[in-house]
């Protein structure tokens, strides 16, 4: 008898949770995001979650700086989610106050690109 009651309660509990999850996905519109993520490869998933333009910027920076060099991000709010994603993505290069490179993202004066502090050369994203 107790086992039967337990199974009935467990079934009701599972049905309620499935209802809450599905309703929340439909209500907030996250279902399209999940569908988009399922159909993409790893590169596409990064671009979708980071934002196409920001991901292109991060790939450019990672390609241009060496692992043992340091950088500073300008145009990305400090400790924001985008900033944390950038620090994670650009590792093992480290963010420092006195960097080898300054990475500008949508800066009013410079645009988007990378400035080498040593040479003074600015390389914008194409």
Protein backbone atom coordinates (compact mmCIF):
# COMPACT_ATOMS: atom_id res chain seq x y z
CA UNK A 1 0.00 0.00 0.00
CA UNK A 2 2.75 2.47 0.97
CA UNK A 3 4.66 1.63 -2.18
CA UNK A 4 1.61 2.35 -4.33
CA UNK A 5 1.05 5.73 -2.64
CA UNK A 6 4.72 6.57 -3.12
CA UNK A 7 4.52 5.78 -6.87
CA UNK A 8 1.37 7.88 -7.27
CA UNK A 9 2.91 10.85 -5.46
CA UNK A 10 6.16 10.51 -7.44
CA UNK A 11 4.21 10.43 -10.71
CA UNK A 12 2.23 13.54 -9.76
CA UNK A 13 5.44 15.31 -8.69
CA UNK A 14 7.18 14.49 -12.00
CA UNK A 15 4.17 15.64 -14.03
CA UNK A 16 4.06 18.94 -12.11
CA UNK A 17 7.78 19.58 -12.68
CA UNK A 18 7.53 18.78 -16.38
CA UNK A 19 4.60 21.19 -16.57
CA UNK A 20 6.58 23.95 -14.79
CA UNK A 21 9.64 23.49 -17.02
CA UNK A 22 7.73 23.39 -20.30
CA UNK A 23 5.50 26.30 -19.35
CA UNK A 24 8.52 28.41 -18.38
CA UNK A 25 10.33 27.59 -21.62
CA UNK A 26 7.31 28.56 -23.71
CA UNK A 27 6.45 31.65 -21.67
CA UNK A 28 9.93 33.23 -21.85
CA UNK A 29 10.62 32.11 -25.41
CA UNK A 30 13.70 30.10 -24.48
CA UNK A 31 12.56 27.17 -26.56
CA UNK A 32 13.81 28.84 -29.76
CA UNK A 33 17.20 29.47 -28.13
CA UNK A 34 17.52 25.85 -27.07
CA UNK A 35 16.44 24.68 -30.51
CA UNK A 36 19.07 26.94 -32.10
CA UNK A 37 21.77 25.62 -29.78
CA UNK A 38 20.93 21.98 -30.48
CA UNK A 39 21.38 22.42 -34.22
CA UNK A 40 24.76 24.25 -34.04
CA UNK A 41 28.31 23.02 -33.67
CA UNK A 42 30.59 24.22 -30.84
CA UNK A 43 31.69 27.30 -32.79
CA UNK A 44 28.08 28.23 -33.53
CA UNK A 45 27.08 27.73 -29.89
CA UNK A 46 29.81 30.09 -28.75
CA UNK A 47 28.75 32.69 -31.31
CA UNK A 48 25.10 32.35 -30.27
CA UNK A 49 25.73 32.69 -26.53
CA UNK A 50 28.48 35.34 -26.73
CA UNK A 51 26.84 37.32 -29.51
CA UNK A 52 28.11 37.13 -33.10
CA UNK A 53 30.02 40.43 -33.04
CA UNK A 54 31.57 39.91 -29.59
CA UNK A 55 32.62 36.36 -30.44
CA UNK A 56 34.25 37.58 -33.67
CA UNK A 57 36.12 40.18 -31.57
CA UNK A 58 37.31 37.55 -29.06
CA UNK A 59 38.50 35.18 -31.80
CA UNK A 60 40.40 38.06 -33.40
CA UNK A 61 42.08 38.98 -30.10
CA UNK A 62 43.00 35.37 -29.31
CA UNK A 63 44.50 34.95 -32.77
CA UNK A 64 46.56 38.15 -32.53
CA UNK A 65 48.06 37.95 -29.03
CA UNK A 66 50.48 35.32 -27.80
CA UNK A 67 49.83 33.12 -24.78
CA UNK A 68 52.45 34.71 -22.56
CA UNK A 69 51.31 38.27 -23.31
CA UNK A 70 48.87 40.39 -21.32
CA UNK A 71 45.94 42.52 -22.42
CA UNK A 72 43.45 45.06 -21.17
CA UNK A 73 39.84 45.23 -22.35
CA UNK A 74 38.38 48.64 -23.19
CA UNK A 75 34.69 48.96 -24.03
CA UNK A 76 33.62 45.95 -21.99
CA UNK A 77 32.22 46.74 -18.54
CA UNK A 78 34.48 45.39 -15.83
CA UNK A 79 33.15 42.22 -14.15
CA UNK A 80 30.12 42.05 -16.46
CA UNK A 81 29.13 38.72 -17.97
CA UNK A 82 30.76 39.73 -21.27
CA UNK A 83 33.98 40.63 -19.40
CA UNK A 84 34.05 37.28 -17.61
CA UNK A 85 33.42 35.43 -20.85
CA UNK A 86 36.28 37.34 -22.49
CA UNK A 87 38.73 36.57 -19.67
CA UNK A 88 37.78 32.89 -19.83
CA UNK A 89 37.98 32.75 -23.63
CA UNK A 90 41.34 34.55 -23.86
CA UNK A 91 43.08 32.42 -21.22
CA UNK A 92 46.06 31.69 -20.95
CA UNK A 93 46.70 35.33 -21.87
CA UNK A 94 46.07 37.39 -18.75
CA UNK A 95 44.35 40.71 -18.20
CA UNK A 96 46.62 43.27 -16.49
CA UNK A 97 46.68 46.99 -15.74
CA UNK A 98 50.03 47.43 -17.56
CA UNK A 99 49.36 45.21 -20.58
CA UNK A 100 51.24 44.31 -23.74
CA UNK A 101 48.04 44.85 -25.76
CA UNK A 102 44.91 46.95 -25.37
CA UNK A 103 41.79 45.40 -26.90
CA UNK A 104 39.16 47.95 -27.90
CA UNK A 105 35.56 46.85 -28.36
CA UNK A 106 33.23 49.39 -30.04
CA UNK A 107 35.34 52.28 -28.79
CA UNK A 108 34.18 55.72 -29.99
CA UNK A 109 37.66 56.83 -31.04
CA UNK A 110 39.32 53.64 -32.19
CA UNK A 111 36.47 51.31 -33.09
CA UNK A 112 37.10 47.61 -32.53
CA UNK A 113 40.60 46.23 -32.65
CA UNK A 114 43.89 45.62 -30.91
CA UNK A 115 46.63 48.09 -29.99
CA UNK A 116 50.15 46.84 -29.38
CA UNK A 117 51.50 48.93 -26.52
CA UNK A 118 55.14 48.23 -27.46
CA UNK A 119 54.88 49.23 -31.14
CA UNK A 120 51.92 51.61 -30.99
CA UNK A 121 50.37 49.74 -33.94
CA UNK A 122 46.56 49.46 -34.00
CA UNK A 123 45.04 46.58 -35.93
CA UNK A 124 41.30 46.89 -36.48
CA UNK A 125 38.92 44.06 -37.24
CA UNK A 126 38.19 43.73 -40.92
